[in-house]
Amino acid sequence: MKLFSCTHCGNTVYFENAVCERCGHQLGYLPDRSVLVSLVEDGGLWSSPAIADDAFVFCANAAHGACNWLAPAEPGGDIYCAACRHNETIPDLSDPANLQRWQIIERAKKRLFYSMIRLGLPLHTRVEDPMHGLAFRFLADDQSASQRVMTGHDNGIITIALSEADDAEREYRRTSMNEPYRTLLGHFRHEIGHHFWDLLVADGPALESFRTLFGDERADYSQALEVHYANGAPQGWSQSHISAYATAHPWEDFAETFAHFLHIIDTVEMASAFGVRARPRTADAELDLPPVRFDPYLEPDMETIIDNWVPLASLINNLNRAMGQADAYPFVLTPRVIEKLAFINTLIHQTPARAQLSVLSRVQ
């Protein structure tokens, strides 16, 4: 994630900001340009002096305090931004609790879309691609039927339980399932990994390489999950998998690794934006963190990213411990796990949309 500057007064502003706290200008995010701009209004349309001759409207979900993204002004009814156009189902917003949780979910989803757009990944709606388009369902539990919504993915449709936006409920589920880490953003990043396995790996040239690294996905999925929940992860799992759940099935291994790939590159970019560097007084060269001088979203060499990530993870974990908090990244990257991360990085850099993005970045 980047840091942004108000294009009116130069104040540092952040991804979710809708107003600059210094100058009071309205702010809006332009996903295709990855910029947060200050705005002026004229007759219901918004423009920015930083971007000449373009008129925008806010996403219709801005009216609910759930979005600060802009879309090109077009005639007609409600206009949804590049992220919100993928929403298929949202909860009943007349319930204040639902509204608050949905706002929290949307903030996490926007960070997911920031990464996907920056990576140049294909993002088609169900209208554009009825078979494999991406759609989200944000559902509340049916209290009358005592049914819990299960977060998951099914052929491009990602369901997120509204209760996952509640910190207490999410922590309860984390501890009851013996998970070291559980966040909304982590859910999004994991489930989107399943989606991109379908798009980038299934029946494609990368499938055999995937099977070599992750295993044969033709193994019965339901049975594999039953075995995992009954017996847990096999002994020695941490040498080859990023998490215990990743051992359940090759699809889960890929999704877990995909999520961690996004965790890593987005946090390295944030460290770069802050100019983070470290030289521990223990003189341990392995923990030296030089300034990040590359864009992790464009870096084809996973080793370069990992060389910056490992000391950064140690730094943020120990800062958390100093505040009495749990480790921000309670995971170990073994050579086998790094190999899997490199597979995903290479896979993404070889997608047609990514190739086009690379050409455009060179032209600019």
Protein backbone atom coordinates (compact mmCIF):
# COMPACT_ATOMS: atom_id res chain seq x y z
CA MET A 1 0.00 0.00 0.00
CA LYS A 2 1.15 3.52 -0.79
CA LEU A 3 1.09 6.74 1.15
CA PHE A 4 -0.73 9.54 -0.63
CA SER A 5 -0.46 13.33 -0.63
CA CYS A 6 -3.40 15.70 -0.85
CA THR A 7 -3.08 17.17 -4.33
CA HIS A 8 -4.32 20.52 -2.99
CA CYS A 9 -2.18 21.14 0.10
CA GLY A 10 0.41 18.34 0.14
CA ASN A 11 -0.74 16.88 3.45
CA THR A 12 -0.14 13.15 3.88
CA VAL A 13 -3.43 11.29 3.42
CA TYR A 14 -4.28 7.62 3.63
CA PHE A 15 -6.06 5.15 1.41
CA GLU A 16 -9.38 5.21 3.27
CA ASN A 17 -9.49 9.01 3.78
CA ALA A 18 -12.50 10.82 2.27
CA VAL A 19 -11.49 14.31 3.42
CA CYS A 20 -8.12 16.00 3.90
CA GLU A 21 -7.89 16.92 7.56
CA ARG A 22 -5.67 19.93 6.81
CA CYS A 23 -7.42 21.75 3.97
CA GLY A 24 -10.87 20.15 4.14
CA HIS A 25 -10.99 19.16 0.48
CA GLN A 26 -13.00 16.11 -0.52
CA LEU A 27 -10.78 13.20 -1.55
CA GLY A 28 -11.48 10.43 -4.03
CA TYR A 29 -9.53 7.41 -5.20
CA LEU A 30 -8.96 6.71 -8.89
CA PRO A 31 -8.21 2.98 -9.15
CA ASP A 32 -6.95 2.98 -12.73
CA ARG A 33 -4.32 5.59 -11.79
CA SER A 34 -3.71 4.46 -8.21
CA VAL A 35 -4.01 8.03 -6.91
CA LEU A 36 -6.01 9.74 -4.18
CA VAL A 37 -6.90 13.23 -5.39
CA SER A 38 -8.45 16.35 -3.91
CA LEU A 39 -11.67 17.37 -5.63
CA VAL A 40 -13.89 20.30 -6.49
CA GLU A 41 -17.60 19.94 -7.24
CA ASP A 42 -19.51 21.47 -10.10
CA GLY A 43 -23.16 20.57 -10.59
CA GLY A 44 -22.89 17.16 -8.98
CA LEU A 45 -19.74 16.23 -10.87
CA TRP A 46 -16.26 16.15 -9.37
CA SER A 47 -12.97 17.10 -10.92
CA SER A 48 -9.41 17.48 -9.77
CA PRO A 49 -6.93 20.17 -10.82
CA ALA A 50 -4.34 17.39 -10.77
CA ILE A 51 -6.15 15.63 -13.63
CA ALA A 52 -7.18 17.89 -16.47
CA ASP A 53 -10.51 17.73 -18.30
CA ASP A 54 -11.93 14.65 -16.57
CA ALA A 55 -15.22 14.57 -14.66
CA PHE A 56 -16.04 11.93 -12.07
CA VAL A 57 -18.79 10.82 -9.75
CA PHE A 58 -18.44 9.03 -6.46
CA CYS A 59 -19.39 5.37 -6.33
CA ALA A 60 -23.04 4.99 -5.29
CA ASN A 61 -21.86 3.26 -2.11
CA ALA A 62 -20.26 6.51 -0.94
CA ALA A 63 -23.77 7.50 0.14
CA HIS A 64 -23.53 4.74 2.78
CA GLY A 65 -20.06 5.76 3.98
CA ALA A 66 -18.71 2.57 2.44
CA CYS A 67 -16.60 3.83 -0.47
CA ASN A 68 -14.35 6.74 -1.45
CA TRP A 69 -13.65 5.54 -5.00
CA LEU A 70 -14.46 7.51 -8.14
CA ALA A 71 -15.86 6.42 -11.47
CA PRO A 72 -16.11 8.24 -14.81
CA ALA A 73 -19.24 10.36 -15.04
CA GLU A 74 -21.83 8.72 -17.25
CA PRO A 75 -25.54 9.38 -17.88
CA GLY A 76 -28.02 7.13 -16.12
CA GLY A 77 -28.66 5.88 -12.61
CA ASP A 78 -26.33 4.72 -9.87
CA ILE A 79 -22.72 4.20 -10.89
CA TYR A 80 -20.52 1.77 -9.03
CA CYS A 81 -16.74 1.86 -8.88
CA ALA A 82 -14.31 -0.78 -10.13
CA ALA A 83 -14.57 -2.64 -6.80
CA CYS A 84 -18.23 -2.22 -5.85
CA ARG A 85 -19.51 -3.31 -9.27
CA HIS A 86 -18.59 -6.84 -8.19
CA ASN A 87 -21.02 -6.80 -5.24
CA GLU A 88 -23.84 -9.23 -5.88
CA THR A 89 -25.44 -9.25 -2.42
CA ILE A 90 -25.11 -6.85 0.49
CA PRO A 91 -26.92 -7.00 3.85
CA ASP A 92 -30.03 -5.08 4.84
CA LEU A 93 -28.59 -1.62 5.50
CA SER A 94 -31.63 -0.46 7.47
CA ASP A 95 -30.09 -2.40 10.37
CA PRO A 96 -27.38 -0.13 11.86
CA ALA A 97 -25.30 -3.15 12.94
CA ASN A 98 -25.36 -4.52 9.40
CA LEU A 99 -24.36 -1.15 7.98
CA GLN A 100 -21.41 -0.79 10.34
CA ARG A 101 -20.12 -4.28 9.62
CA TRP A 102 -20.55 -3.86 5.87
CA GLN A 103 -18.56 -0.61 5.98
CA ILE A 104 -15.74 -2.50 7.69
CA ILE A 105 -15.94 -5.27 5.10
CA GLU A 106 -15.81 -2.78 2.25
CA ARG A 107 -12.64 -1.20 3.64
CA ALA A 108 -10.93 -4.58 3.58
CA LYS A 109 -12.29 -5.37 0.12
CA LYS A 110 -10.91 -2.10 -1.26
CA ARG A 111 -7.43 -3.08 -0.12
CA LEU A 112 -7.85 -6.37 -1.92
CA PHE A 113 -8.86 -4.58 -5.11
CA TYR A 114 -5.97 -2.15 -4.77
CA SER A 115 -3.62 -5.14 -4.97
CA MET A 116 -5.44 -6.92 -7.79
CA ILE A 117 -5.55 -3.79 -9.94
CA ARG A 118 -1.89 -3.03 -9.27
CA LEU A 119 -1.00 -6.60 -10.23
CA GLY A 120 -2.96 -6.31 -13.47
CA LEU A 121 -5.07 -9.37 -12.70
CA PRO A 122 -8.23 -10.04 -14.75
CA LEU A 123 -11.33 -8.62 -13.07
CA HIS A 124 -14.54 -9.46 -14.89
CA THR A 125 -18.02 -9.21 -13.40
CA ARG A 126 -20.62 -11.96 -13.71
CA VAL A 127 -22.28 -9.90 -16.44
CA GLU A 128 -19.05 -9.77 -18.43
CA ASP A 129 -18.23 -13.44 -17.76
CA PRO A 130 -21.26 -15.41 -16.49
CA MET A 131 -19.19 -18.56 -15.97
CA HIS A 132 -16.08 -17.26 -14.20
CA GLY A 133 -16.72 -13.61 -13.36
CA LEU A 134 -15.99 -12.35 -9.85
CA ALA A 135 -18.86 -11.57 -7.47
CA PHE A 136 -19.21 -11.02 -3.73
CA ARG A 137 -21.99 -11.95 -1.36
CA PHE A 138 -21.89 -10.36 2.09
CA LEU A 139 -24.41 -12.24 4.18
CA ALA A 140 -25.70 -12.03 7.74
CA ASP A 141 -26.47 -15.16 9.75
CA ASP A 142 -30.12 -16.21 9.74
CA GLN A 143 -30.86 -16.04 13.46
CA SER A 144 -34.35 -17.51 13.11
CA ALA A 145 -32.95 -20.62 11.45
CA SER A 146 -29.84 -20.74 13.64
CA GLN A 147 -27.75 -21.00 10.48
CA ARG A 148 -24.26 -19.62 10.19
CA VAL A 149 -23.01 -18.16 6.93
CA MET A 150 -19.84 -19.91 5.79
CA THR A 151 -17.13 -17.81 4.20
CA GLY A 152 -15.93 -19.45 1.00
CA HIS A 153 -15.50 -19.48 -2.77
CA ASP A 154 -17.53 -21.20 -5.47
CA ASN A 155 -16.61 -20.67 -9.11
CA GLY A 156 -15.94 -16.95 -8.85
CA ILE A 157 -18.55 -16.19 -6.19
CA ILE A 158 -16.98 -15.25 -2.86
CA THR A 159 -19.17 -15.29 0.23
CA ILE A 160 -18.06 -13.41 3.33
CA ALA A 161 -19.96 -13.84 6.58
CA LEU A 162 -20.94 -10.44 7.96
CA SER A 163 -20.03 -11.65 11.45
CA GLU A 164 -16.35 -11.71 10.41
CA ALA A 165 -16.42 -7.90 10.71
CA ASP A 166 -17.06 -8.28 14.44
CA ASP A 167 -13.73 -8.40 16.29
CA ALA A 168 -15.01 -10.51 19.18
CA GLU A 169 -16.70 -13.07 16.93
CA ARG A 170 -13.68 -13.31 14.66
CA GLU A 171 -11.33 -13.80 17.62
CA TYR A 172 -13.64 -16.48 19.01
CA ARG A 173 -13.52 -18.34 15.72
CA ARG A 174 -9.75 -17.93 15.49
CA THR A 175 -9.12 -19.43 18.92
CA SER A 176 -11.73 -22.17 18.55
CA MET A 177 -10.10 -23.25 15.29
CA ASN A 178 -6.58 -22.89 16.73
CA GLU A 179 -5.53 -20.39 14.07
CA PRO A 180 -2.55 -18.07 14.59
CA TYR A 181 -4.04 -15.39 12.33
CA ARG A 182 -7.55 -14.45 11.20
CA THR A 183 -8.50 -11.11 9.65
CA LEU A 184 -11.06 -9.85 7.17
CA LEU A 185 -8.35 -8.90 4.72
CA GLY A 186 -6.84 -12.35 5.14
CA HIS A 187 -10.20 -13.92 4.24
CA PHE A 188 -10.45 -11.82 1.09
CA ARG A 189 -6.90 -12.64 0.05
CA HIS A 190 -7.38 -16.36 0.66
CA GLU A 191 -10.68 -16.66 -1.18
CA ILE A 192 -9.43 -14.65 -4.15
CA GLY A 193 -6.59 -17.15 -4.34
CA HIS A 194 -9.15 -19.87 -5.14
CA HIS A 195 -10.61 -17.62 -7.84
CA PHE A 196 -7.27 -17.04 -9.51
CA TRP A 197 -6.38 -20.74 -9.33
CA ASP A 198 -9.43 -21.30 -11.52
CA LEU A 199 -8.39 -18.53 -13.92
CA LEU A 200 -4.62 -18.90 -14.06
CA VAL A 201 -3.83 -22.53 -13.25
CA ALA A 202 -6.73 -24.91 -14.02
CA ASP A 203 -6.31 -26.60 -17.40
CA GLY A 204 -3.48 -24.20 -18.27
CA PRO A 205 0.26 -24.52 -18.95
CA ALA A 206 1.08 -23.95 -15.25
CA LEU A 207 -0.95 -26.94 -14.05
CA GLU A 208 1.86 -29.54 -14.05
CA SER A 209 4.24 -27.18 -12.28
CA PHE A 210 1.50 -26.51 -9.74
CA ARG A 211 1.06 -30.23 -9.09
CA THR A 212 4.80 -30.68 -8.61
CA LEU A 213 4.88 -27.98 -5.93
CA PHE A 214 1.47 -28.10 -4.28
CA GLY A 215 0.21 -31.63 -4.99
CA ASP A 216 -2.50 -33.20 -7.14
CA GLU A 217 -5.72 -31.21 -6.84
CA ARG A 218 -7.70 -34.15 -8.24
CA ALA A 219 -7.69 -35.66 -4.74
CA ASP A 220 -11.24 -35.65 -3.33
CA TYR A 221 -11.66 -32.22 -1.77
CA SER A 222 -14.49 -32.97 0.68
CA GLN A 223 -12.77 -36.09 1.94
CA ALA A 224 -9.48 -34.23 2.33
CA LEU A 225 -11.14 -31.60 4.50
CA GLU A 226 -12.82 -34.24 6.63
CA VAL A 227 -9.46 -35.91 7.24
CA HIS A 228 -7.83 -32.59 8.04
CA TYR A 229 -10.48 -31.56 10.58
CA ALA A 230 -10.41 -35.03 12.14
CA ASN A 231 -6.64 -35.49 12.35
CA GLY A 232 -5.08 -32.04 11.95
CA ALA A 233 -1.95 -31.28 9.98
CA PRO A 234 0.65 -34.04 9.49
CA GLN A 235 3.87 -34.03 11.46
CA GLY A 236 6.53 -31.77 9.96
CA TRP A 237 4.00 -29.76 7.97
CA SER A 238 5.74 -26.44 8.65
CA GLN A 239 8.70 -27.41 6.46
CA SER A 240 6.57 -27.42 3.33
CA HIS A 241 3.42 -25.38 4.06
CA ILE A 242 2.75 -21.80 5.15
CA SER A 243 0.00 -22.86 7.58
CA ALA A 244 -1.56 -26.00 9.02
CA TYR A 245 -4.72 -25.41 6.99
CA ALA A 246 -2.65 -25.33 3.80
CA THR A 247 -2.00 -29.06 4.28
CA ALA A 248 -5.69 -29.90 3.87
CA HIS A 249 -5.68 -29.96 0.05
CA PRO A 250 -3.55 -28.51 -2.79
CA TRP A 251 -6.28 -25.94 -3.50
CA GLU A 252 -6.05 -24.70 0.09
CA ASP A 253 -2.27 -24.68 -0.07
CA PHE A 254 -2.42 -22.46 -3.16
CA ALA A 255 -5.04 -20.13 -1.64
CA GLU A 256 -3.10 -19.79 1.61
CA THR A 257 0.14 -19.11 -0.25
CA PHE A 258 -1.60 -16.61 -2.54
CA ALA A 259 -2.90 -14.74 0.51
CA HIS A 260 0.59 -14.58 2.00
CA PHE A 261 2.00 -13.36 -1.30
CA LEU A 262 -0.41 -10.41 -1.10
CA HIS A 263 0.37 -9.86 2.61
CA ILE A 264 4.07 -9.65 1.81
CA ILE A 265 4.14 -7.42 -1.26
CA ASP A 266 1.60 -4.96 0.16
CA THR A 267 3.45 -4.62 3.47
CA VAL A 268 6.82 -4.23 1.73
CA GLU A 269 5.30 -1.44 -0.37
CA MET A 270 4.01 0.26 2.79
CA ALA A 271 7.46 0.00 4.38
CA SER A 272 8.92 1.55 1.25
CA ALA A 273 6.40 4.41 1.39
CA PHE A 274 7.49 5.20 4.96
CA GLY A 275 11.18 4.84 4.09
CA VAL A 276 11.59 2.14 6.73
CA ARG A 277 15.16 0.92 7.21
CA ALA A 278 16.86 -0.85 10.09
CA ARG A 279 20.34 -1.74 11.26
CA PRO A 280 19.98 -3.72 14.50
CA ARG A 281 22.45 -2.93 17.24
CA THR A 282 23.10 -6.64 17.63
CA ALA A 283 25.06 -6.33 14.37
CA ASP A 284 23.07 -9.24 12.91
CA ALA A 285 23.46 -8.67 9.18
CA GLU A 286 20.49 -10.95 8.44
CA LEU A 287 18.22 -8.41 10.12
CA ASP A 288 19.59 -5.41 8.23
CA LEU A 289 16.75 -3.73 6.36
CA PRO A 290 17.97 -1.32 3.67
CA PRO A 291 15.53 1.14 2.13
CA VAL A 292 13.24 -0.58 -0.37
CA ARG A 293 14.19 0.78 -3.78
CA PHE A 294 11.90 -1.31 -5.96
CA ASP A 295 8.17 -1.73 -6.45
CA PRO A 296 7.19 -5.14 -5.01
CA TYR A 297 4.10 -5.17 -7.22
CA LEU A 298 6.32 -5.06 -10.31
CA GLU A 299 9.25 -7.12 -9.03
CA PRO A 300 9.58 -10.44 -10.91
CA ASP A 301 12.21 -11.88 -8.55
CA MET A 302 10.59 -13.28 -5.41
CA GLU A 303 13.97 -13.65 -3.70
CA THR A 304 14.43 -9.87 -3.84
CA ILE A 305 11.07 -9.39 -2.16
CA ILE A 306 11.79 -12.04 0.48
CA ASP A 307 15.20 -10.53 1.28
CA ASN A 308 13.36 -7.37 2.29
CA TRP A 309 10.41 -9.13 3.89
CA VAL A 310 12.24 -11.32 6.40
CA PRO A 311 13.90 -8.48 8.37
CA LEU A 312 10.75 -6.36 8.03
CA ALA A 313 8.61 -9.15 9.51
CA SER A 314 11.05 -9.46 12.43
CA LEU A 315 10.86 -5.71 12.99
CA ILE A 316 7.06 -5.46 13.02
CA ASN A 317 6.69 -8.61 15.14
CA ASN A 318 9.02 -7.24 17.80
CA LEU A 319 7.36 -3.82 17.73
CA ASN A 320 4.06 -5.60 18.36
CA ARG A 321 5.55 -7.54 21.26
CA ALA A 322 6.77 -4.28 22.77
CA MET A 323 3.13 -3.15 22.82
CA GLY A 324 1.91 -6.42 24.32
CA GLN A 325 0.33 -7.48 21.04
CA ALA A 326 0.53 -10.77 19.18
CA ASP A 327 2.96 -11.10 16.28
CA ALA A 328 1.70 -9.37 13.16
CA TYR A 329 3.17 -12.19 11.06
CA PRO A 330 3.36 -15.44 13.07
CA PHE A 331 4.67 -17.57 10.20
CA VAL A 332 7.97 -19.02 9.03
CA LEU A 333 9.05 -18.97 5.39
CA THR A 334 10.97 -22.15 4.62
CA PRO A 335 12.72 -22.73 1.26
CA ARG A 336 9.78 -24.84 0.08
CA VAL A 337 7.26 -22.13 0.99
CA ILE A 338 9.38 -19.48 -0.74
CA GLU A 339 9.43 -21.68 -3.83
CA LYS A 340 5.62 -21.71 -3.79
CA LEU A 341 5.50 -17.94 -3.35
CA ALA A 342 7.85 -17.59 -6.33
CA PHE A 343 5.54 -19.79 -8.39
CA ILE A 344 2.64 -17.42 -7.70
CA ASN A 345 4.74 -14.33 -8.42
CA THR A 346 5.85 -15.80 -11.76
CA LEU A 347 2.31 -16.91 -12.57
CA ILE A 348 0.99 -13.38 -12.04
CA HIS A 349 3.76 -11.75 -14.05
CA GLN A 350 2.96 -14.03 -16.98
CA THR A 351 -0.77 -13.20 -17.18
CA PRO A 352 -1.78 -11.36 -20.39
CA ALA A 353 -3.23 -8.42 -18.44
CA ARG A 354 0.00 -8.15 -16.47
CA ALA A 355 2.08 -8.16 -19.65
CA GLN A 356 0.00 -5.28 -20.99
CA LEU A 357 0.42 -3.40 -17.67
CA SER A 358 4.20 -3.81 -17.87
CA VAL A 359 4.24 -2.33 -21.37
CA LEU A 360 2.17 0.65 -20.23
CA SER A 361 4.44 1.29 -17.24
CA ARG A 362 7.47 1.38 -19.56
CA VAL A 363 5.73 3.82 -21.91
CA GLN A 364 4.80 6.13 -19.04
